[in-house]
Amino acid sequence: MAKKKNIWQSITSKIGAAFNSEDFEQKFLVYNVRFLLFIGLIAILYIANARYAEKNMRQINTLQKDIKELRWKHTSLKAEHMYSSKQTEIAKRVNKMGLQESIEAPSKIVVPKGSVPKPSR
C-alpha cells in the first residue's frame, strides 16, 4: 500500500513540476494561439447569437401584441359595418338626405325573346 502511495505521489509531483515551469507556459501559449483565438471567436459568436435571438424575441412579442390589437379593431369594425349595412340603418341615413324608402313592390320588366338584337362582334 505504501508503494502505491509513493508511485502516485511521484507521478503527481512530476506532472505538477511540468505544468509549473515557465518554459511550459510559454510553449503552451505559442503552440495554442490559434486554438485560443478560435475559442475566443466562438465565444464572441455565441454572445452575438444570444443577443440576436433576444432581439428577435422582443420583436416577435411586440408584433404579436400589434396583431392582437389589429384583430380586435378588425372585429369591431366588421361588427359596426354589419350593423350599419342593415336596411333600417340605411333607411335612416337616406331619410336625412331627403330620400324615402319605396313602399310599393318592385315591378318586373319582361322582354320578349327575339326582340333584343344580338351584339355583333
N, C-alpha and C. Protein backbone atom coordinates (compact mmCIF):
# COMPACT_ATOMS: atom_id res chain seq x y z
N MET A 1 0.82 -1.19 0.00
CA MET A 1 0.00 0.00 0.00
C MET A 1 0.87 1.26 0.00
N ALA A 2 1.93 1.20 0.75
CA ALA A 2 2.83 2.34 0.81
C ALA A 2 3.51 2.56 -0.53
N LYS A 3 3.75 1.46 -1.26
CA LYS A 3 4.37 1.57 -2.57
C LYS A 3 3.46 2.31 -3.55
N LYS A 4 2.14 2.04 -3.46
CA LYS A 4 1.18 2.70 -4.36
C LYS A 4 1.15 4.19 -4.08
N LYS A 5 1.21 4.57 -2.79
CA LYS A 5 1.21 5.99 -2.45
C LYS A 5 2.47 6.67 -2.99
N ASN A 6 3.58 6.01 -2.88
CA ASN A 6 4.83 6.60 -3.37
C ASN A 6 4.80 6.77 -4.89
N ILE A 7 4.25 5.78 -5.57
CA ILE A 7 4.16 5.87 -7.04
C ILE A 7 3.23 7.02 -7.42
N TRP A 8 2.11 7.07 -6.77
CA TRP A 8 1.13 8.13 -7.06
C TRP A 8 1.70 9.52 -6.76
N GLN A 9 2.39 9.65 -5.66
CA GLN A 9 2.99 10.93 -5.30
C GLN A 9 4.07 11.34 -6.30
N SER A 10 4.83 10.37 -6.77
CA SER A 10 5.89 10.71 -7.73
C SER A 10 5.29 11.13 -9.07
N ILE A 11 4.20 10.47 -9.48
CA ILE A 11 3.54 10.83 -10.75
C ILE A 11 2.95 12.24 -10.65
N THR A 12 2.25 12.51 -9.57
CA THR A 12 1.64 13.84 -9.43
C THR A 12 2.68 14.93 -9.28
N SER A 13 3.79 14.64 -8.62
CA SER A 13 4.83 15.67 -8.47
C SER A 13 5.50 15.96 -9.81
N LYS A 14 5.69 14.94 -10.65
CA LYS A 14 6.28 15.15 -11.97
C LYS A 14 5.34 15.95 -12.87
N ILE A 15 4.06 15.63 -12.82
CA ILE A 15 3.08 16.36 -13.63
C ILE A 15 2.99 17.81 -13.16
N GLY A 16 2.96 17.99 -11.85
CA GLY A 16 2.89 19.34 -11.29
C GLY A 16 4.11 20.16 -11.65
N ALA A 17 5.28 19.54 -11.63
CA ALA A 17 6.51 20.25 -11.97
C ALA A 17 6.52 20.64 -13.45
N ALA A 18 5.96 19.77 -14.29
CA ALA A 18 5.92 20.06 -15.73
C ALA A 18 5.00 21.24 -16.02
N PHE A 19 3.89 21.31 -15.32
CA PHE A 19 2.92 22.39 -15.55
C PHE A 19 3.33 23.71 -14.90
N ASN A 20 4.16 23.68 -13.90
CA ASN A 20 4.53 24.90 -13.18
C ASN A 20 5.75 25.60 -13.76
N SER A 21 6.38 25.03 -14.72
CA SER A 21 7.59 25.66 -15.25
C SER A 21 7.23 26.82 -16.20
N GLU A 22 8.11 27.81 -16.29
CA GLU A 22 7.90 28.96 -17.17
C GLU A 22 7.98 28.54 -18.63
N ASP A 23 8.84 27.59 -18.91
CA ASP A 23 9.01 27.10 -20.26
C ASP A 23 7.70 26.50 -20.78
N PHE A 24 7.00 25.79 -19.91
CA PHE A 24 5.72 25.18 -20.30
C PHE A 24 4.70 26.25 -20.64
N GLU A 25 4.63 27.30 -19.84
CA GLU A 25 3.65 28.36 -20.07
C GLU A 25 3.89 29.06 -21.40
N GLN A 26 5.14 29.33 -21.71
CA GLN A 26 5.45 29.99 -22.97
C GLN A 26 5.15 29.09 -24.16
N LYS A 27 5.54 27.82 -24.05
CA LYS A 27 5.28 26.89 -25.14
C LYS A 27 3.78 26.67 -25.33
N PHE A 28 3.08 26.60 -24.21
CA PHE A 28 1.64 26.38 -24.27
C PHE A 28 0.97 27.52 -25.03
N LEU A 29 1.33 28.73 -24.72
CA LEU A 29 0.74 29.88 -25.39
C LEU A 29 1.12 29.93 -26.86
N VAL A 30 2.39 29.66 -27.16
CA VAL A 30 2.85 29.73 -28.55
C VAL A 30 2.18 28.66 -29.40
N TYR A 31 2.14 27.45 -28.89
CA TYR A 31 1.59 26.34 -29.67
C TYR A 31 0.07 26.40 -29.79
N ASN A 32 -0.59 27.07 -28.88
CA ASN A 32 -2.05 27.04 -28.86
C ASN A 32 -2.69 28.40 -29.15
N VAL A 33 -1.97 29.31 -29.77
CA VAL A 33 -2.53 30.63 -30.07
C VAL A 33 -3.73 30.50 -31.00
N ARG A 34 -3.60 29.71 -32.03
CA ARG A 34 -4.71 29.53 -32.98
C ARG A 34 -5.94 28.98 -32.26
N PHE A 35 -5.71 27.99 -31.45
CA PHE A 35 -6.83 27.38 -30.74
C PHE A 35 -7.49 28.38 -29.79
N LEU A 36 -6.69 29.14 -29.07
CA LEU A 36 -7.23 30.14 -28.14
C LEU A 36 -8.01 31.23 -28.89
N LEU A 37 -7.48 31.66 -30.05
CA LEU A 37 -8.21 32.63 -30.86
C LEU A 37 -9.53 32.05 -31.38
N PHE A 38 -9.49 30.79 -31.77
CA PHE A 38 -10.70 30.11 -32.23
C PHE A 38 -11.75 30.04 -31.12
N ILE A 39 -11.32 29.70 -29.91
CA ILE A 39 -12.24 29.65 -28.76
C ILE A 39 -12.80 31.04 -28.48
N GLY A 40 -11.96 32.07 -28.58
CA GLY A 40 -12.43 33.45 -28.38
C GLY A 40 -13.46 33.85 -29.43
N LEU A 41 -13.21 33.48 -30.68
CA LEU A 41 -14.15 33.78 -31.76
C LEU A 41 -15.48 33.08 -31.53
N ILE A 42 -15.42 31.83 -31.12
CA ILE A 42 -16.66 31.10 -30.84
C ILE A 42 -17.42 31.75 -29.70
N ALA A 43 -16.72 32.21 -28.68
CA ALA A 43 -17.38 32.88 -27.55
C ALA A 43 -18.06 34.17 -28.01
N ILE A 44 -17.39 34.94 -28.87
CA ILE A 44 -17.98 36.18 -29.39
C ILE A 44 -19.21 35.87 -30.23
N LEU A 45 -19.12 34.84 -31.08
CA LEU A 45 -20.28 34.45 -31.89
C LEU A 45 -21.44 33.97 -31.02
N TYR A 46 -21.14 33.27 -29.97
CA TYR A 46 -22.17 32.79 -29.05
C TYR A 46 -22.90 33.96 -28.39
N ILE A 47 -22.15 34.95 -27.94
CA ILE A 47 -22.75 36.13 -27.31
C ILE A 47 -23.59 36.90 -28.32
N ALA A 48 -23.05 37.08 -29.53
CA ALA A 48 -23.79 37.81 -30.57
C ALA A 48 -25.08 37.08 -30.93
N ASN A 49 -25.01 35.78 -31.03
CA ASN A 49 -26.20 34.99 -31.37
C ASN A 49 -27.26 35.10 -30.27
N ALA A 50 -26.84 35.08 -29.03
CA ALA A 50 -27.79 35.21 -27.91
C ALA A 50 -28.47 36.57 -27.95
N ARG A 51 -27.71 37.62 -28.21
CA ARG A 51 -28.31 38.96 -28.29
C ARG A 51 -29.26 39.07 -29.48
N TYR A 52 -28.89 38.48 -30.60
CA TYR A 52 -29.74 38.49 -31.79
C TYR A 52 -31.05 37.75 -31.51
N ALA A 53 -30.97 36.62 -30.83
CA ALA A 53 -32.17 35.85 -30.51
C ALA A 53 -33.07 36.63 -29.56
N GLU A 54 -32.50 37.30 -28.57
CA GLU A 54 -33.29 38.10 -27.64
C GLU A 54 -33.98 39.26 -28.37
N LYS A 55 -33.25 39.89 -29.29
CA LYS A 55 -33.83 40.99 -30.06
C LYS A 55 -35.00 40.50 -30.90
N ASN A 56 -34.83 39.34 -31.53
CA ASN A 56 -35.91 38.77 -32.33
C ASN A 56 -37.11 38.41 -31.46
N MET A 57 -36.87 37.89 -30.27
CA MET A 57 -37.99 37.55 -29.38
C MET A 57 -38.75 38.80 -28.96
N ARG A 58 -38.03 39.88 -28.66
CA ARG A 58 -38.71 41.14 -28.31
C ARG A 58 -39.54 41.64 -29.49
N GLN A 59 -38.99 41.55 -30.69
CA GLN A 59 -39.70 42.00 -31.87
C GLN A 59 -40.94 41.12 -32.12
N ILE A 60 -40.80 39.83 -31.94
CA ILE A 60 -41.94 38.93 -32.11
C ILE A 60 -43.03 39.25 -31.10
N ASN A 61 -42.66 39.51 -29.86
CA ASN A 61 -43.65 39.85 -28.84
C ASN A 61 -44.39 41.13 -29.18
N THR A 62 -43.68 42.15 -29.64
CA THR A 62 -44.35 43.41 -29.99
C THR A 62 -45.27 43.21 -31.20
N LEU A 63 -44.83 42.41 -32.17
CA LEU A 63 -45.67 42.15 -33.33
C LEU A 63 -46.92 41.36 -32.95
N GLN A 64 -46.79 40.42 -32.01
CA GLN A 64 -47.95 39.67 -31.56
C GLN A 64 -48.95 40.58 -30.86
N LYS A 65 -48.45 41.53 -30.07
CA LYS A 65 -49.35 42.49 -29.43
C LYS A 65 -50.06 43.34 -30.47
N ASP A 66 -49.31 43.78 -31.49
CA ASP A 66 -49.91 44.58 -32.56
C ASP A 66 -50.97 43.78 -33.31
N ILE A 67 -50.69 42.51 -33.56
CA ILE A 67 -51.65 41.65 -34.26
C ILE A 67 -52.93 41.50 -33.43
N LYS A 68 -52.79 41.31 -32.13
CA LYS A 68 -53.97 41.21 -31.27
C LYS A 68 -54.81 42.48 -31.35
N GLU A 69 -54.13 43.63 -31.29
CA GLU A 69 -54.84 44.91 -31.34
C GLU A 69 -55.54 45.09 -32.69
N LEU A 70 -54.82 44.78 -33.78
CA LEU A 70 -55.42 44.92 -35.11
C LEU A 70 -56.57 43.94 -35.31
N ARG A 71 -56.46 42.74 -34.76
CA ARG A 71 -57.55 41.77 -34.86
C ARG A 71 -58.78 42.28 -34.12
N TRP A 72 -58.55 42.89 -32.95
CA TRP A 72 -59.66 43.45 -32.19
C TRP A 72 -60.32 44.58 -32.97
N LYS A 73 -59.51 45.47 -33.56
CA LYS A 73 -60.06 46.56 -34.35
C LYS A 73 -60.84 46.04 -35.55
N HIS A 74 -60.30 45.02 -36.21
CA HIS A 74 -60.99 44.43 -37.36
C HIS A 74 -62.34 43.87 -36.97
N THR A 75 -62.38 43.17 -35.85
CA THR A 75 -63.64 42.57 -35.39
C THR A 75 -64.66 43.66 -35.07
N SER A 76 -64.22 44.72 -34.38
CA SER A 76 -65.16 45.78 -34.02
C SER A 76 -65.64 46.53 -35.26
N LEU A 77 -64.74 46.79 -36.22
CA LEU A 77 -65.16 47.46 -37.45
C LEU A 77 -66.09 46.59 -38.28
N LYS A 78 -65.85 45.32 -38.30
CA LYS A 78 -66.70 44.40 -39.04
C LYS A 78 -68.11 44.37 -38.43
N ALA A 79 -68.17 44.34 -37.09
CA ALA A 79 -69.48 44.36 -36.43
C ALA A 79 -70.19 45.68 -36.69
N GLU A 80 -69.45 46.78 -36.66
CA GLU A 80 -70.04 48.10 -36.93
C GLU A 80 -70.56 48.17 -38.36
N HIS A 81 -69.80 47.62 -39.31
CA HIS A 81 -70.22 47.61 -40.71
C HIS A 81 -71.47 46.75 -40.89
N MET A 82 -71.51 45.62 -40.23
CA MET A 82 -72.69 44.75 -40.32
C MET A 82 -73.94 45.48 -39.80
N TYR A 83 -73.76 46.22 -38.72
CA TYR A 83 -74.89 46.94 -38.15
C TYR A 83 -75.32 48.09 -39.06
N SER A 84 -74.34 48.83 -39.61
CA SER A 84 -74.67 49.98 -40.44
C SER A 84 -75.19 49.59 -41.82
N SER A 85 -75.00 48.36 -42.24
CA SER A 85 -75.47 47.94 -43.56
C SER A 85 -76.85 47.28 -43.51
N LYS A 86 -77.48 47.30 -42.34
CA LYS A 86 -78.86 46.80 -42.26
C LYS A 86 -79.78 47.75 -42.99
N GLN A 87 -80.88 47.23 -43.47
CA GLN A 87 -81.81 48.04 -44.26
C GLN A 87 -82.38 49.19 -43.43
N THR A 88 -82.68 48.97 -42.18
CA THR A 88 -83.25 50.03 -41.35
C THR A 88 -82.22 51.15 -41.11
N GLU A 89 -80.97 50.79 -40.91
CA GLU A 89 -79.94 51.81 -40.71
C GLU A 89 -79.70 52.61 -41.99
N ILE A 90 -79.72 51.95 -43.12
CA ILE A 90 -79.56 52.64 -44.40
C ILE A 90 -80.73 53.58 -44.63
N ALA A 91 -81.94 53.12 -44.30
CA ALA A 91 -83.12 53.97 -44.46
C ALA A 91 -83.02 55.22 -43.59
N LYS A 92 -82.51 55.09 -42.39
CA LYS A 92 -82.35 56.25 -41.50
C LYS A 92 -81.37 57.27 -42.11
N ARG A 93 -80.26 56.79 -42.65
CA ARG A 93 -79.27 57.68 -43.24
C ARG A 93 -79.80 58.34 -44.52
N VAL A 94 -80.56 57.59 -45.30
CA VAL A 94 -81.09 58.12 -46.55
C VAL A 94 -82.18 59.14 -46.28
N ASN A 95 -82.97 58.96 -45.22
CA ASN A 95 -84.02 59.91 -44.86
C ASN A 95 -83.43 61.27 -44.57
N LYS A 96 -82.25 61.34 -44.02
CA LYS A 96 -81.59 62.61 -43.73
C LYS A 96 -81.26 63.36 -45.03
N MET A 97 -81.07 62.63 -46.13
CA MET A 97 -80.76 63.25 -47.42
C MET A 97 -82.03 63.65 -48.18
N GLY A 98 -83.17 63.27 -47.68
CA GLY A 98 -84.42 63.63 -48.34
C GLY A 98 -85.01 62.49 -49.17
N LEU A 99 -84.40 61.35 -49.19
CA LEU A 99 -84.93 60.21 -49.93
C LEU A 99 -85.77 59.36 -48.99
N GLN A 100 -86.77 58.69 -49.58
CA GLN A 100 -87.62 57.83 -48.77
C GLN A 100 -87.62 56.42 -49.33
N GLU A 101 -87.88 55.50 -48.46
CA GLU A 101 -87.92 54.09 -48.85
C GLU A 101 -89.20 53.85 -49.63
N SER A 102 -89.10 53.08 -50.71
CA SER A 102 -90.26 52.78 -51.55
C SER A 102 -91.20 51.84 -50.80
N ILE A 103 -92.50 52.17 -50.87
CA ILE A 103 -93.50 51.32 -50.20
C ILE A 103 -94.00 50.26 -51.17
N GLU A 104 -94.03 50.59 -52.46
CA GLU A 104 -94.54 49.66 -53.46
C GLU A 104 -93.50 48.58 -53.75
N ALA A 105 -94.01 47.43 -54.13
CA ALA A 105 -93.12 46.34 -54.51
C ALA A 105 -92.50 46.65 -55.87
N PRO A 106 -91.30 46.21 -56.13
CA PRO A 106 -90.68 46.49 -57.43
C PRO A 106 -91.42 45.75 -58.54
N SER A 107 -91.50 46.40 -59.70
CA SER A 107 -92.17 45.76 -60.83
C SER A 107 -91.13 45.05 -61.68
N LYS A 108 -91.57 43.99 -62.33
CA LYS A 108 -90.69 43.16 -63.13
C LYS A 108 -90.78 43.59 -64.58
N ILE A 109 -89.65 43.79 -65.24
CA ILE A 109 -89.62 44.15 -66.65
C ILE A 109 -89.44 42.88 -67.45
N VAL A 110 -90.39 42.64 -68.37
CA VAL A 110 -90.34 41.42 -69.18
C VAL A 110 -90.03 41.82 -70.61
N VAL A 111 -89.01 41.22 -71.20
CA VAL A 111 -88.62 41.47 -72.59
C VAL A 111 -88.87 40.19 -73.35
N PRO A 112 -89.71 40.25 -74.41
CA PRO A 112 -89.97 39.02 -75.18
C PRO A 112 -88.70 38.57 -75.91
N LYS A 113 -88.60 37.28 -76.09
CA LYS A 113 -87.43 36.71 -76.76
C LYS A 113 -87.39 37.15 -78.21
N GLY A 114 -86.22 37.44 -78.68
CA GLY A 114 -86.04 37.81 -80.08
C GLY A 114 -86.22 39.29 -80.33
N SER A 115 -86.73 40.04 -79.39
CA SER A 115 -86.92 41.49 -79.61
C SER A 115 -85.63 42.27 -79.39
N VAL A 116 -84.67 41.68 -78.68
CA VAL A 116 -83.41 42.34 -78.43
C VAL A 116 -82.37 41.79 -79.40
N PRO A 117 -81.74 42.67 -80.21
CA PRO A 117 -80.75 42.16 -81.17
C PRO A 117 -79.49 41.65 -80.46
N LYS A 118 -78.92 40.65 -81.07
CA LYS A 118 -77.69 40.08 -80.51
C LYS A 118 -76.53 41.03 -80.78
N PRO A 119 -75.63 41.18 -79.83
CA PRO A 119 -74.48 42.07 -80.06
C PRO A 119 -73.55 41.50 -81.12
N SER A 120 -73.06 42.35 -81.99
CA SER A 120 -72.12 41.89 -83.01
C SER A 120 -70.70 41.98 -82.50
N ARG A 121 -69.93 41.06 -82.98
CA ARG A 121 -68.53 41.01 -82.50
C ARG A 121 -67.61 41.64 -83.45
